[in-house]
Amino acid sequence: MKLKKNVVLIGMMGVGKSLIGSLLSKKLNLKFFDIDRLIEKKNNMKISEIFNKKGEVYFRKEEEEIALEHLKIQNCVIALGGGAFINSKIREKVLQKSISIWLDIDLDTITKRLKFTKRRPIVNKYGLGKIKKIFLQREKIYSLAKYKLNCRNLTKKEIIDKIIKII
């Protein structure tokens, strides 16, 4: 499929942006960029290590740089990290140049998915109680995306089919 814009998936940690983005890009034969994985690759560390060793401020600078660089690419699928769309520079570029899709699920599902994770530095540092607060803060900003897709009770295939209809 040939797109005039890129497709950018946004949403909370644990909603499945990386998995859906990867599957969607394969189905459409497009390049896929997972911003969190690109940050890990550049730093040769997992995100939790980056947070522990270099701090969240460093991570957010890396996230901004890498996201803005990849948002220049057209005809691809991009999965932003959960906090990336909160950054006004990233958000502005996404809203101007991309098909933005908020993958939304309920807080209970997110909490269940993140309960046993070791990969999420915010969960590791603050616990699951912080997730509700983050969810409520980010929800308002995520709602600025061009499209909202309620993924609750949908299979991966159903989510991908709905995204294809959108684009």
N, C-alpha and C. Protein backbone atom coordinates (compact mmCIF):
# COMPACT_ATOMS: atom_id res chain seq x y z
N MET A 1 0.85 -1.18 0.00
CA MET A 1 0.00 0.00 0.00
C MET A 1 0.89 1.24 0.00
N LYS A 2 0.53 2.22 -0.75
CA LYS A 2 1.28 3.48 -0.82
C LYS A 2 0.47 4.55 -0.09
N LEU A 3 1.08 5.15 0.92
CA LEU A 3 0.42 6.20 1.70
C LEU A 3 1.11 7.53 1.43
N LYS A 4 0.35 8.60 1.50
CA LYS A 4 0.94 9.94 1.37
C LYS A 4 1.48 10.42 2.71
N LYS A 5 1.01 9.81 3.80
CA LYS A 5 1.44 10.17 5.14
C LYS A 5 1.85 8.89 5.86
N ASN A 6 2.52 9.07 6.99
CA ASN A 6 2.80 7.89 7.80
C ASN A 6 1.65 7.66 8.77
N VAL A 7 1.58 6.46 9.31
CA VAL A 7 0.58 6.09 10.30
C VAL A 7 1.28 6.05 11.65
N VAL A 8 0.79 6.84 12.60
CA VAL A 8 1.42 6.90 13.92
C VAL A 8 0.44 6.38 14.96
N LEU A 9 0.89 5.37 15.69
CA LEU A 9 0.09 4.77 16.76
C LEU A 9 0.50 5.38 18.08
N ILE A 10 -0.50 5.87 18.82
CA ILE A 10 -0.25 6.45 20.13
C ILE A 10 -1.13 5.77 21.16
N GLY A 11 -0.77 5.93 22.43
CA GLY A 11 -1.56 5.37 23.50
C GLY A 11 -0.70 5.01 24.69
N MET A 12 -1.35 4.58 25.73
CA MET A 12 -0.68 4.21 26.98
C MET A 12 0.27 3.03 26.79
N MET A 13 1.21 2.94 27.69
CA MET A 13 2.06 1.75 27.72
C MET A 13 1.16 0.54 27.92
N GLY A 14 1.48 -0.53 27.23
CA GLY A 14 0.73 -1.76 27.40
C GLY A 14 -0.48 -1.93 26.50
N VAL A 15 -0.77 -0.95 25.62
CA VAL A 15 -1.94 -1.11 24.75
C VAL A 15 -1.64 -1.97 23.53
N GLY A 16 -0.37 -2.14 23.20
CA GLY A 16 -0.01 -2.99 22.06
C GLY A 16 0.44 -2.24 20.82
N LYS A 17 0.91 -1.02 20.98
CA LYS A 17 1.34 -0.21 19.83
C LYS A 17 2.43 -0.91 19.03
N SER A 18 3.41 -1.46 19.72
CA SER A 18 4.52 -2.12 19.04
C SER A 18 4.07 -3.35 18.26
N LEU A 19 3.29 -4.18 18.90
CA LEU A 19 2.81 -5.41 18.26
C LEU A 19 1.90 -5.08 17.08
N ILE A 20 0.92 -4.21 17.30
CA ILE A 20 -0.02 -3.84 16.24
C ILE A 20 0.73 -3.15 15.10
N GLY A 21 1.64 -2.25 15.44
CA GLY A 21 2.42 -1.55 14.41
C GLY A 21 3.22 -2.50 13.55
N SER A 22 3.86 -3.46 14.18
CA SER A 22 4.65 -4.45 13.45
C SER A 22 3.78 -5.29 12.52
N LEU A 23 2.67 -5.78 13.04
CA LEU A 23 1.76 -6.60 12.23
C LEU A 23 1.13 -5.79 11.10
N LEU A 24 0.74 -4.55 11.39
CA LEU A 24 0.15 -3.68 10.38
C LEU A 24 1.13 -3.39 9.25
N SER A 25 2.35 -3.09 9.63
CA SER A 25 3.36 -2.76 8.60
C SER A 25 3.64 -3.96 7.70
N LYS A 26 3.66 -5.15 8.28
CA LYS A 26 3.87 -6.36 7.46
C LYS A 26 2.70 -6.57 6.51
N LYS A 27 1.49 -6.38 7.02
CA LYS A 27 0.30 -6.58 6.18
C LYS A 27 0.25 -5.58 5.03
N LEU A 28 0.71 -4.35 5.28
CA LEU A 28 0.67 -3.31 4.25
C LEU A 28 1.98 -3.18 3.47
N ASN A 29 2.95 -3.99 3.85
CA ASN A 29 4.28 -3.95 3.22
C ASN A 29 4.91 -2.56 3.35
N LEU A 30 4.89 -2.04 4.58
CA LEU A 30 5.47 -0.74 4.87
C LEU A 30 6.58 -0.91 5.90
N LYS A 31 7.47 0.07 5.97
CA LYS A 31 8.50 0.06 7.01
C LYS A 31 7.84 0.35 8.35
N PHE A 32 8.41 -0.23 9.40
CA PHE A 32 7.91 -0.02 10.75
C PHE A 32 9.03 0.50 11.63
N PHE A 33 8.71 1.55 12.39
CA PHE A 33 9.66 2.11 13.34
C PHE A 33 9.02 2.15 14.72
N ASP A 34 9.64 1.49 15.65
CA ASP A 34 9.21 1.50 17.05
C ASP A 34 10.18 2.43 17.77
N ILE A 35 9.72 3.60 18.16
CA ILE A 35 10.61 4.62 18.72
C ILE A 35 11.32 4.12 19.97
N ASP A 36 10.63 3.42 20.85
CA ASP A 36 11.29 2.89 22.04
C ASP A 36 12.42 1.93 21.69
N ARG A 37 12.19 1.05 20.72
CA ARG A 37 13.25 0.10 20.33
C ARG A 37 14.43 0.83 19.69
N LEU A 38 14.16 1.90 18.94
CA LEU A 38 15.24 2.68 18.32
C LEU A 38 16.09 3.39 19.39
N ILE A 39 15.44 3.86 20.45
CA ILE A 39 16.16 4.48 21.56
C ILE A 39 17.05 3.44 22.24
N GLU A 40 16.49 2.25 22.47
CA GLU A 40 17.27 1.17 23.08
C GLU A 40 18.48 0.81 22.22
N LYS A 41 18.25 0.70 20.92
CA LYS A 41 19.34 0.33 20.00
C LYS A 41 20.44 1.39 20.01
N LYS A 42 20.05 2.65 19.92
CA LYS A 42 21.04 3.74 19.90
C LYS A 42 21.86 3.76 21.19
N ASN A 43 21.22 3.49 22.32
CA ASN A 43 21.90 3.55 23.61
C ASN A 43 22.46 2.21 24.08
N ASN A 44 22.17 1.16 23.32
CA ASN A 44 22.62 -0.19 23.67
C ASN A 44 22.21 -0.57 25.10
N MET A 45 20.98 -0.15 25.45
CA MET A 45 20.41 -0.43 26.78
C MET A 45 18.90 -0.54 26.65
N LYS A 46 18.31 -1.29 27.55
CA LYS A 46 16.85 -1.32 27.65
C LYS A 46 16.38 0.02 28.24
N ILE A 47 15.13 0.36 27.99
CA ILE A 47 14.61 1.63 28.48
C ILE A 47 14.71 1.72 29.99
N SER A 48 14.43 0.63 30.69
CA SER A 48 14.52 0.66 32.16
C SER A 48 15.95 0.99 32.60
N GLU A 49 16.95 0.50 31.87
CA GLU A 49 18.36 0.84 32.19
C GLU A 49 18.65 2.31 31.92
N ILE A 50 18.12 2.81 30.81
CA ILE A 50 18.32 4.23 30.47
C ILE A 50 17.74 5.10 31.58
N PHE A 51 16.52 4.79 32.02
CA PHE A 51 15.90 5.55 33.11
C PHE A 51 16.75 5.47 34.37
N ASN A 52 17.24 4.27 34.70
CA ASN A 52 18.02 4.08 35.94
C ASN A 52 19.38 4.75 35.88
N LYS A 53 20.06 4.65 34.74
CA LYS A 53 21.44 5.14 34.63
C LYS A 53 21.55 6.59 34.16
N LYS A 54 20.63 7.01 33.30
CA LYS A 54 20.75 8.34 32.71
C LYS A 54 19.58 9.26 33.05
N GLY A 55 18.48 8.69 33.52
CA GLY A 55 17.35 9.49 33.96
C GLY A 55 16.29 9.70 32.89
N GLU A 56 15.10 10.09 33.37
CA GLU A 56 13.98 10.31 32.46
C GLU A 56 14.20 11.51 31.54
N VAL A 57 14.86 12.56 32.04
CA VAL A 57 15.09 13.75 31.21
C VAL A 57 15.93 13.36 29.99
N TYR A 58 16.99 12.58 30.21
CA TYR A 58 17.82 12.11 29.10
C TYR A 58 16.98 11.29 28.12
N PHE A 59 16.18 10.36 28.66
CA PHE A 59 15.34 9.51 27.81
C PHE A 59 14.40 10.36 26.96
N ARG A 60 13.75 11.34 27.55
CA ARG A 60 12.79 12.18 26.81
C ARG A 60 13.48 12.98 25.71
N LYS A 61 14.73 13.41 25.94
CA LYS A 61 15.48 14.11 24.88
C LYS A 61 15.78 13.16 23.72
N GLU A 62 16.18 11.96 24.05
CA GLU A 62 16.44 10.94 23.02
C GLU A 62 15.15 10.64 22.25
N GLU A 63 14.06 10.49 22.99
CA GLU A 63 12.76 10.19 22.39
C GLU A 63 12.36 11.30 21.41
N GLU A 64 12.52 12.54 21.82
CA GLU A 64 12.16 13.67 20.96
C GLU A 64 13.00 13.66 19.67
N GLU A 65 14.30 13.52 19.84
CA GLU A 65 15.20 13.53 18.68
C GLU A 65 14.88 12.41 17.69
N ILE A 66 14.73 11.21 18.19
CA ILE A 66 14.49 10.05 17.32
C ILE A 66 13.09 10.10 16.72
N ALA A 67 12.10 10.48 17.50
CA ALA A 67 10.73 10.57 16.98
C ALA A 67 10.64 11.61 15.88
N LEU A 68 11.18 12.80 16.12
CA LEU A 68 11.10 13.87 15.11
C LEU A 68 11.83 13.47 13.83
N GLU A 69 12.94 12.79 13.97
CA GLU A 69 13.69 12.31 12.80
C GLU A 69 12.86 11.32 11.98
N HIS A 70 12.20 10.40 12.65
CA HIS A 70 11.43 9.36 11.94
C HIS A 70 10.07 9.86 11.45
N LEU A 71 9.57 10.91 12.06
CA LEU A 71 8.30 11.48 11.59
C LEU A 71 8.45 12.18 10.24
N LYS A 72 9.66 12.43 9.82
CA LYS A 72 9.92 13.01 8.50
C LYS A 72 9.71 11.98 7.39
N ILE A 73 9.77 10.71 7.75
CA ILE A 73 9.64 9.63 6.77
C ILE A 73 8.17 9.46 6.42
N GLN A 74 7.90 9.31 5.14
CA GLN A 74 6.52 9.06 4.71
C GLN A 74 6.35 7.59 4.37
N ASN A 75 5.08 7.17 4.33
CA ASN A 75 4.76 5.82 3.89
C ASN A 75 5.35 4.76 4.82
N CYS A 76 5.11 4.94 6.12
CA CYS A 76 5.59 3.97 7.11
C CYS A 76 4.62 3.95 8.29
N VAL A 77 4.85 3.02 9.19
CA VAL A 77 4.09 2.90 10.44
C VAL A 77 5.05 3.19 11.58
N ILE A 78 4.62 4.04 12.51
CA ILE A 78 5.46 4.41 13.65
C ILE A 78 4.68 4.16 14.94
N ALA A 79 5.32 3.47 15.88
CA ALA A 79 4.75 3.30 17.22
C ALA A 79 5.51 4.23 18.16
N LEU A 80 4.81 5.20 18.71
CA LEU A 80 5.41 6.10 19.69
C LEU A 80 5.35 5.45 21.06
N GLY A 81 6.30 5.79 21.92
CA GLY A 81 6.22 5.36 23.30
C GLY A 81 5.04 6.05 23.97
N GLY A 82 4.60 5.53 25.09
CA GLY A 82 3.41 6.04 25.77
C GLY A 82 3.47 7.52 26.11
N GLY A 83 4.65 8.04 26.42
CA GLY A 83 4.78 9.45 26.79
C GLY A 83 5.16 10.38 25.66
N ALA A 84 5.48 9.85 24.51
CA ALA A 84 6.00 10.68 23.42
C ALA A 84 5.00 11.72 22.93
N PHE A 85 3.73 11.37 22.83
CA PHE A 85 2.72 12.28 22.30
C PHE A 85 2.45 13.44 23.26
N ILE A 86 2.90 13.32 24.51
CA ILE A 86 2.76 14.38 25.49
C ILE A 86 3.70 15.53 25.13
N ASN A 87 4.82 15.22 24.49
CA ASN A 87 5.78 16.23 24.05
C ASN A 87 5.14 17.07 22.95
N SER A 88 5.04 18.37 23.16
CA SER A 88 4.34 19.24 22.21
C SER A 88 4.99 19.28 20.84
N LYS A 89 6.32 19.18 20.77
CA LYS A 89 7.01 19.19 19.46
C LYS A 89 6.65 17.93 18.67
N ILE A 90 6.67 16.80 19.34
CA ILE A 90 6.32 15.54 18.68
C ILE A 90 4.85 15.57 18.29
N ARG A 91 3.99 15.96 19.22
CA ARG A 91 2.55 15.99 18.96
C ARG A 91 2.22 16.89 17.77
N GLU A 92 2.81 18.06 17.73
CA GLU A 92 2.55 19.00 16.63
C GLU A 92 2.93 18.38 15.28
N LYS A 93 4.08 17.75 15.24
CA LYS A 93 4.54 17.13 13.99
C LYS A 93 3.62 15.97 13.59
N VAL A 94 3.22 15.16 14.56
CA VAL A 94 2.31 14.05 14.28
C VAL A 94 1.00 14.58 13.71
N LEU A 95 0.44 15.58 14.36
CA LEU A 95 -0.87 16.09 13.95
C LEU A 95 -0.81 16.79 12.59
N GLN A 96 0.32 17.37 12.25
CA GLN A 96 0.48 18.05 10.95
C GLN A 96 0.70 17.08 9.80
N LYS A 97 1.51 16.06 10.04
CA LYS A 97 2.05 15.28 8.94
C LYS A 97 1.64 13.80 8.89
N SER A 98 0.83 13.35 9.84
CA SER A 98 0.58 11.91 9.95
C SER A 98 -0.89 11.58 10.12
N ILE A 99 -1.19 10.31 9.94
CA ILE A 99 -2.49 9.77 10.31
C ILE A 99 -2.31 9.25 11.73
N SER A 100 -2.81 10.00 12.71
CA SER A 100 -2.60 9.63 14.11
C SER A 100 -3.78 8.80 14.62
N ILE A 101 -3.45 7.68 15.23
CA ILE A 101 -4.49 6.77 15.73
C ILE A 101 -4.19 6.44 17.19
N TRP A 102 -5.13 6.79 18.05
CA TRP A 102 -5.03 6.49 19.48
C TRP A 102 -5.60 5.11 19.71
N LEU A 103 -4.75 4.18 20.11
CA LEU A 103 -5.19 2.84 20.49
C LEU A 103 -5.58 2.92 21.97
N ASP A 104 -6.85 2.85 22.23
CA ASP A 104 -7.37 3.06 23.57
C ASP A 104 -7.92 1.77 24.15
N ILE A 105 -7.56 1.50 25.39
CA ILE A 105 -8.19 0.42 26.15
C ILE A 105 -8.44 0.94 27.56
N ASP A 106 -9.21 0.21 28.32
CA ASP A 106 -9.56 0.65 29.66
C ASP A 106 -8.41 0.45 30.64
N LEU A 107 -8.47 1.18 31.72
CA LEU A 107 -7.43 1.16 32.74
C LEU A 107 -7.24 -0.22 33.36
N ASP A 108 -8.31 -0.96 33.57
CA ASP A 108 -8.20 -2.31 34.15
C ASP A 108 -7.35 -3.22 33.28
N THR A 109 -7.58 -3.16 31.97
CA THR A 109 -6.80 -4.00 31.04
C THR A 109 -5.34 -3.61 31.06
N ILE A 110 -5.07 -2.30 31.04
CA ILE A 110 -3.68 -1.83 31.09
C ILE A 110 -3.01 -2.34 32.37
N THR A 111 -3.69 -2.19 33.48
CA THR A 111 -3.14 -2.61 34.77
C THR A 111 -2.83 -4.11 34.77
N LYS A 112 -3.74 -4.92 34.24
CA LYS A 112 -3.51 -6.36 34.17
C LYS A 112 -2.29 -6.68 33.31
N ARG A 113 -2.15 -5.98 32.19
CA ARG A 113 -1.03 -6.24 31.29
C ARG A 113 0.30 -5.82 31.89
N LEU A 114 0.30 -4.79 32.71
CA LEU A 114 1.55 -4.26 33.25
C LEU A 114 1.92 -4.83 34.61
N LYS A 115 1.02 -5.60 35.19
CA LYS A 115 1.17 -6.08 36.57
C LYS A 115 2.52 -6.77 36.83
N PHE A 116 2.96 -7.59 35.91
CA PHE A 116 4.16 -8.39 36.15
C PHE A 116 5.35 -7.97 35.28
N THR A 117 5.27 -6.79 34.68
CA THR A 117 6.34 -6.37 33.78
C THR A 117 7.56 -5.87 34.54
N LYS A 118 8.69 -6.09 33.96
CA LYS A 118 9.95 -5.55 34.49
C LYS A 118 10.50 -4.51 33.51
N ARG A 119 9.85 -4.37 32.35
CA ARG A 119 10.36 -3.51 31.28
C ARG A 119 9.88 -2.07 31.37
N ARG A 120 8.95 -1.76 32.23
CA ARG A 120 8.35 -0.43 32.28
C ARG A 120 8.91 0.36 33.46
N PRO A 121 9.81 1.29 33.19
CA PRO A 121 10.47 2.00 34.30
C PRO A 121 9.52 2.78 35.20
N ILE A 122 8.48 3.36 34.65
CA ILE A 122 7.56 4.13 35.49
C ILE A 122 6.81 3.20 36.44
N VAL A 123 6.40 2.03 35.93
CA VAL A 123 5.72 1.05 36.78
C VAL A 123 6.70 0.53 37.84
N ASN A 124 7.92 0.25 37.42
CA ASN A 124 8.92 -0.28 38.35
C ASN A 124 9.23 0.71 39.47
N LYS A 125 9.29 1.99 39.12
CA LYS A 125 9.66 3.02 40.10
C LYS A 125 8.50 3.40 41.02
N TYR A 126 7.31 3.58 40.43
CA TYR A 126 6.19 4.12 41.19
C TYR A 126 5.08 3.12 41.50
N GLY A 127 5.07 1.98 40.83
CA GLY A 127 4.03 0.99 41.05
C GLY A 127 2.80 1.25 40.19
N LEU A 128 1.88 0.32 40.24
CA LEU A 128 0.68 0.40 39.39
C LEU A 128 -0.24 1.55 39.77
N GLY A 129 -0.16 2.02 40.99
CA GLY A 129 -1.01 3.13 41.41
C GLY A 129 -0.77 4.38 40.57
N LYS A 130 0.44 4.57 40.13
CA LYS A 130 0.81 5.73 39.31
C LYS A 130 0.16 5.65 37.92
N ILE A 131 -0.13 4.44 37.47
CA ILE A 131 -0.69 4.25 36.12
C ILE A 131 -2.02 4.97 35.99
N LYS A 132 -2.86 4.91 37.00
CA LYS A 132 -4.17 5.57 36.92
C LYS A 132 -3.98 7.08 36.73
N LYS A 133 -3.09 7.66 37.49
CA LYS A 133 -2.84 9.10 37.40
C LYS A 133 -2.31 9.45 36.00
N ILE A 134 -1.36 8.68 35.51
CA ILE A 134 -0.80 8.92 34.18
C ILE A 134 -1.89 8.76 33.12
N PHE A 135 -2.68 7.71 33.26
CA PHE A 135 -3.77 7.43 32.32
C PHE A 135 -4.71 8.64 32.22
N LEU A 136 -5.12 9.17 33.36
CA LEU A 136 -6.05 10.30 33.38
C LEU A 136 -5.43 11.57 32.79
N GLN A 137 -4.14 11.78 33.05
CA GLN A 137 -3.45 12.94 32.49
C GLN A 137 -3.29 12.82 30.97
N ARG A 138 -2.86 11.67 30.54
CA ARG A 138 -2.55 11.48 29.11
C ARG A 138 -3.79 11.35 28.24
N GLU A 139 -4.87 10.86 28.82
CA GLU A 139 -6.10 10.64 28.07
C GLU A 139 -6.55 11.92 27.33
N LYS A 140 -6.44 13.05 28.00
CA LYS A 140 -6.84 14.33 27.40
C LYS A 140 -5.97 14.67 26.19
N ILE A 141 -4.71 14.38 26.31
CA ILE A 141 -3.78 14.68 25.21
C ILE A 141 -3.92 13.66 24.09
N TYR A 142 -4.06 12.39 24.44
CA TYR A 142 -4.26 11.36 23.41
C TYR A 142 -5.51 11.66 22.58
N SER A 143 -6.51 12.27 23.20
CA SER A 143 -7.76 12.56 22.48
C SER A 143 -7.58 13.56 21.35
N LEU A 144 -6.42 14.18 21.26
CA LEU A 144 -6.12 15.10 20.16
C LEU A 144 -5.78 14.36 18.87
N ALA A 145 -5.53 13.07 18.97
CA ALA A 145 -5.24 12.27 17.77
C ALA A 145 -6.41 12.36 16.80
N LYS A 146 -6.11 12.23 15.54
CA LYS A 146 -7.16 12.34 14.51
C LYS A 146 -8.22 11.24 14.67
N TYR A 147 -7.78 10.04 15.04
CA TYR A 147 -8.69 8.91 15.19
C TYR A 147 -8.49 8.26 16.55
N LYS A 148 -9.59 7.79 17.13
CA LYS A 148 -9.55 7.02 18.36
C LYS A 148 -10.12 5.64 18.05
N LEU A 149 -9.38 4.62 18.42
CA LEU A 149 -9.82 3.25 18.18
C LEU A 149 -9.93 2.54 19.53
N ASN A 150 -11.14 2.23 19.93
CA ASN A 150 -11.35 1.51 21.18
C ASN A 150 -11.00 0.05 20.92
N CYS A 151 -9.91 -0.39 21.52
CA CYS A 151 -9.40 -1.74 21.27
C CYS A 151 -9.89 -2.78 22.26
N ARG A 152 -10.71 -2.35 23.20
CA ARG A 152 -11.20 -3.28 24.22
C ARG A 152 -12.00 -4.40 23.55
N ASN A 153 -11.68 -5.61 23.89
CA ASN A 153 -12.36 -6.81 23.40
C ASN A 153 -12.17 -7.05 21.90
N LEU A 154 -11.18 -6.43 21.29
CA LEU A 154 -10.89 -6.69 19.88
C LEU A 154 -9.66 -7.57 19.75
N THR A 155 -9.66 -8.43 18.76
CA THR A 155 -8.47 -9.23 18.47
C THR A 155 -7.46 -8.37 17.72
N LYS A 156 -6.23 -8.85 17.63
CA LYS A 156 -5.21 -8.12 16.85
C LYS A 156 -5.68 -7.93 15.41
N LYS A 157 -6.26 -8.96 14.84
CA LYS A 157 -6.74 -8.88 13.46
C LYS A 157 -7.82 -7.82 13.31
N GLU A 158 -8.75 -7.77 14.26
CA GLU A 158 -9.82 -6.78 14.20
C GLU A 158 -9.27 -5.36 14.31
N ILE A 159 -8.28 -5.17 15.17
CA ILE A 159 -7.67 -3.85 15.32
C ILE A 159 -7.00 -3.44 14.01
N ILE A 160 -6.24 -4.35 13.44
CA ILE A 160 -5.55 -4.06 12.18
C ILE A 160 -6.55 -3.78 11.06
N ASP A 161 -7.60 -4.56 10.98
CA ASP A 161 -8.63 -4.32 9.95
C ASP A 161 -9.27 -2.94 10.12
N LYS A 162 -9.51 -2.53 11.36
CA LYS A 162 -10.11 -1.21 11.61
C LYS A 162 -9.13 -0.10 11.21
N ILE A 163 -7.86 -0.30 11.50
CA ILE A 163 -6.85 0.72 11.11
C ILE A 163 -6.79 0.83 9.60
N ILE A 164 -6.82 -0.29 8.91
CA ILE A 164 -6.78 -0.27 7.44
C ILE A 164 -7.98 0.48 6.89
N LYS A 165 -9.14 0.30 7.48
CA LYS A 165 -10.32 1.07 7.04
C LYS A 165 -10.12 2.57 7.24
N ILE A 166 -9.50 2.92 8.36
CA ILE A 166 -9.23 4.33 8.65
C ILE A 166 -8.30 4.94 7.61
N ILE A 167 -7.25 4.23 7.29
CA ILE A 167 -6.26 4.83 6.38
C ILE A 167 -6.65 4.66 4.92
